[in-house]
Protein backbone atom coordinates (compact mmCIF):
# COMPACT_ATOMS: atom_id res chain seq x y z
CA MET A 1 0.00 0.00 0.00
CA GLU A 2 2.82 2.41 0.86
CA ARG A 3 4.50 1.75 -2.47
CA ARG A 4 1.33 2.73 -4.37
CA ALA A 5 0.88 5.93 -2.35
CA ASN A 6 4.38 7.13 -3.28
CA ARG A 7 3.97 6.35 -6.98
CA GLY A 8 4.75 9.40 -9.10
CA THR A 9 6.02 11.51 -6.21
CA GLY A 10 9.51 11.55 -7.71
CA LEU A 11 8.27 12.78 -11.08
CA VAL A 12 6.26 15.57 -9.46
CA GLY A 13 9.30 16.67 -7.47
CA PHE A 14 11.45 16.43 -10.59
CA SER A 15 8.90 18.54 -12.48
CA ALA A 16 8.95 21.18 -9.75
CA VAL A 17 12.74 21.39 -9.78
CA VAL A 18 12.86 21.51 -13.60
CA LEU A 19 10.17 24.21 -13.60
CA THR A 20 12.27 26.27 -11.17
CA ILE A 21 15.46 25.81 -13.18
CA GLY A 22 13.57 26.52 -16.42
CA GLY A 23 12.30 29.73 -14.84
CA ILE A 24 15.87 30.76 -14.03
CA PHE A 25 16.88 30.01 -17.64
CA ALA A 26 13.94 32.08 -18.88
CA LEU A 27 15.00 34.96 -16.65
CA ILE A 28 18.49 34.88 -18.17
CA GLU A 29 17.07 34.57 -21.70
CA GLY A 30 14.60 37.40 -21.21
CA LEU A 31 17.09 39.79 -19.65
CA THR A 32 19.56 38.98 -22.42
CA ALA A 33 16.91 39.85 -25.00
CA VAL A 34 16.21 43.15 -23.27
CA TYR A 35 19.77 44.31 -22.57
CA LYS A 36 21.95 42.53 -25.17
CA SER A 37 19.83 42.04 -28.25
CA SER A 38 22.89 41.46 -30.47
CA PHE A 39 23.12 37.98 -28.92
CA PHE A 40 20.05 36.84 -30.88
CA THR A 41 19.38 36.51 -34.61
CA ALA A 42 19.46 39.92 -36.25
CA ASN A 43 16.68 39.45 -38.82
CA ALA A 44 14.07 37.85 -36.56
CA VAL A 45 10.46 38.70 -37.38
CA PHE A 46 8.02 38.35 -34.49
CA VAL A 47 4.25 37.88 -34.55
CA PHE A 48 3.84 41.18 -32.74
CA SER A 49 6.14 43.81 -31.29
CA ASP A 50 9.92 43.45 -31.09
CA LEU A 51 12.69 41.56 -29.30
CA ARG A 52 12.62 43.77 -26.21
CA THR A 53 8.91 43.20 -25.66
CA TRP A 54 9.40 39.44 -25.95
CA GLY A 55 12.35 39.74 -23.59
CA TRP A 56 10.10 41.26 -20.93
CA ILE A 57 7.42 38.61 -21.57
CA ILE A 58 9.97 35.80 -21.20
CA THR A 59 11.39 37.48 -18.07
CA GLY A 60 7.92 37.64 -16.51
CA LEU A 61 7.31 33.99 -17.32
CA GLY A 62 10.70 33.16 -15.80
CA VAL A 63 9.73 34.83 -12.53
CA ALA A 64 6.39 32.99 -12.61
CA GLY A 65 8.22 29.72 -13.32
CA VAL A 66 10.51 30.10 -10.32
CA ILE A 67 7.63 31.02 -8.02
CA SER A 68 5.37 28.21 -9.23
CA GLY A 69 8.20 25.66 -9.14
CA LEU A 70 8.91 26.48 -5.52
CA ALA A 71 5.19 26.43 -4.74
CA VAL A 72 4.82 22.96 -6.32
CA LEU A 73 7.58 21.75 -4.01
CA SER A 74 5.34 22.78 -1.10
CA GLY A 75 2.83 20.16 -2.30
CA SER A 76 -0.35 22.21 -2.63
CA GLU A 77 -2.93 21.49 -5.32
CA TRP A 78 -3.27 25.09 -6.52
CA ALA A 79 0.49 25.26 -7.04
CA ARG A 80 0.36 22.20 -9.28
CA TRP A 81 -2.22 23.89 -11.51
CA LEU A 82 -0.25 27.13 -11.45
CA GLY A 83 2.80 25.17 -12.59
CA VAL A 84 0.85 23.59 -15.44
CA THR A 85 -0.43 27.03 -16.51
CA VAL A 86 2.99 28.67 -16.34
CA ALA A 87 4.65 25.81 -18.24
CA GLY A 88 1.94 25.97 -20.92
CA LEU A 89 2.32 29.73 -21.31
CA SER A 90 6.09 29.34 -21.39
CA ALA A 91 5.85 26.77 -24.19
CA LEU A 92 3.58 29.10 -26.16
CA ALA A 93 5.91 32.06 -25.59
CA GLN A 94 8.92 29.99 -26.67
CA LEU A 95 7.07 29.03 -29.84
CA LEU A 96 6.53 32.70 -30.63
CA PHE A 97 10.11 33.57 -29.61
CA ALA A 98 11.64 30.82 -31.77
CA GLN A 99 12.57 33.27 -34.54
CA ALA A 100 15.23 34.80 -32.33
CA TYR A 101 16.85 31.61 -31.01
CA PRO A 102 15.25 28.48 -32.55
CA VAL A 103 17.22 25.60 -31.00
CA TRP A 104 17.06 27.04 -27.49
CA SER A 105 13.34 27.69 -27.83
CA LEU A 106 12.70 24.09 -28.93
CA MET A 107 14.67 22.72 -25.99
CA ILE A 108 12.79 24.89 -23.48
CA MET A 109 9.47 23.86 -25.08
CA ALA A 110 10.40 20.18 -24.65
CA ILE A 111 11.22 20.82 -20.98
CA ASP A 112 7.90 22.64 -20.54
CA PHE A 113 6.01 19.67 -21.99
CA LEU A 114 7.88 17.30 -19.66
CA VAL A 115 6.91 19.49 -16.70
CA ILE A 116 3.26 19.53 -17.79
CA TYR A 117 3.25 15.74 -18.12
CA GLY A 118 4.83 15.24 -14.70
CA LEU A 119 2.42 17.59 -12.96
CA VAL A 120 -0.73 16.33 -14.67
CA ALA A 121 -0.05 12.59 -14.84
CA TYR A 122 0.88 11.82 -11.24
CA ALA A 123 0.11 14.68 -8.88
CA GLY A 124 -3.63 13.97 -8.64
CA ARG A 125 -2.99 10.30 -7.96
CA ARG A 126 -0.67 11.16 -5.12
CA SER A 127 -3.35 13.08 -3.26
CA ALA A 128 -6.04 10.50 -4.11
CA ASP A 129 -3.87 7.61 -2.91
CA GLY A 130 -3.06 9.47 0.29
CA ALA A 131 -6.75 10.09 0.96
CA SER A 132 -7.75 6.47 0.31
CA SER A 133 -4.97 5.05 2.46
CA SER A 134 -5.90 7.30 5.38
CA TYR A 135 -9.58 6.28 5.02
CA ASP A 136 -8.61 2.60 4.89
CA ALA A 137 -6.55 3.04 8.05
CA TYR A 138 -9.58 4.68 9.74
CA GLU A 139 -11.88 1.86 8.66
CA SER A 140 -9.53 -0.80 9.97
CA GLY A 141 -10.16 0.44 13.51
CA GLY A 142 -6.66 -0.41 14.61
CA SER A 143 -7.11 -4.15 14.09
CA GLY A 144 -4.87 -4.17 11.01
CA LYS A 145 -7.69 -5.63 8.88
CA VAL A 146 -9.28 -3.38 6.30
CA THR A 147 -12.99 -3.97 5.90
CA ASP A 148 -14.78 -3.58 2.62
CA LEU A 149 -18.02 -1.74 3.43
CA ASN A 150 -20.52 -0.44 0.94
CA GLU A 151 -21.95 3.08 1.24
CA ARG A 152 -25.08 2.13 3.26
CA GLU A 153 -23.01 0.12 5.76
CA ARG A 154 -20.64 3.06 6.21
CA LYS A 155 -23.50 5.43 6.99
CA SER A 156 -25.07 3.07 9.48
CA HIS A 157 -21.67 2.35 10.97
CA ALA A 158 -20.97 6.08 11.43
CA ALA A 159 -24.32 6.69 13.16
C-alpha cells in the first residue's frame, strides 16, 4: 500500500525542480533579449512587437516559473495547476520567440512539456492515494484488517 501511495512523487518533485530551473533560464534569456539584443538573430520577425517586448514577456514567465516551481515543491494542489499554466504559457511564448533563437526555444518547449506531463499525470494520484490510504486506516479500527463496506453500511456504521 505504501509503495502505491508514493507512486509518481519523484516525477512531481522532478517537475517542480525543472520548472524552477527553467524559470531561471527564462530569466536569463529574457534579460539577455532586453539588454543585449545582439546575442540573438538579427533578422528575426516576431508575430507582434519586437525583441525587447518578448524579452520582458519571457522574463515575466521566468519569474512565474521560479515562483510556481517552488510552490509545487510545497505540495499544494493550486500550485500544481499554477505550474501547469505557467509551463503551458512558457511553451507558447517559446514558440513565438523561436525566430530569435530556434534551438534554445525548442529545448525549453520540450522541458515545458515534460513538466506539464509530470504535474498532470501523477500529482492527482498522489493526493487520491493518500486520501484512500488514510480512510482505509480509519476503517480498519486499529485491528490491522481493512474492511470492505458499501456506502449504506458506512452510513449506518458512522451513526
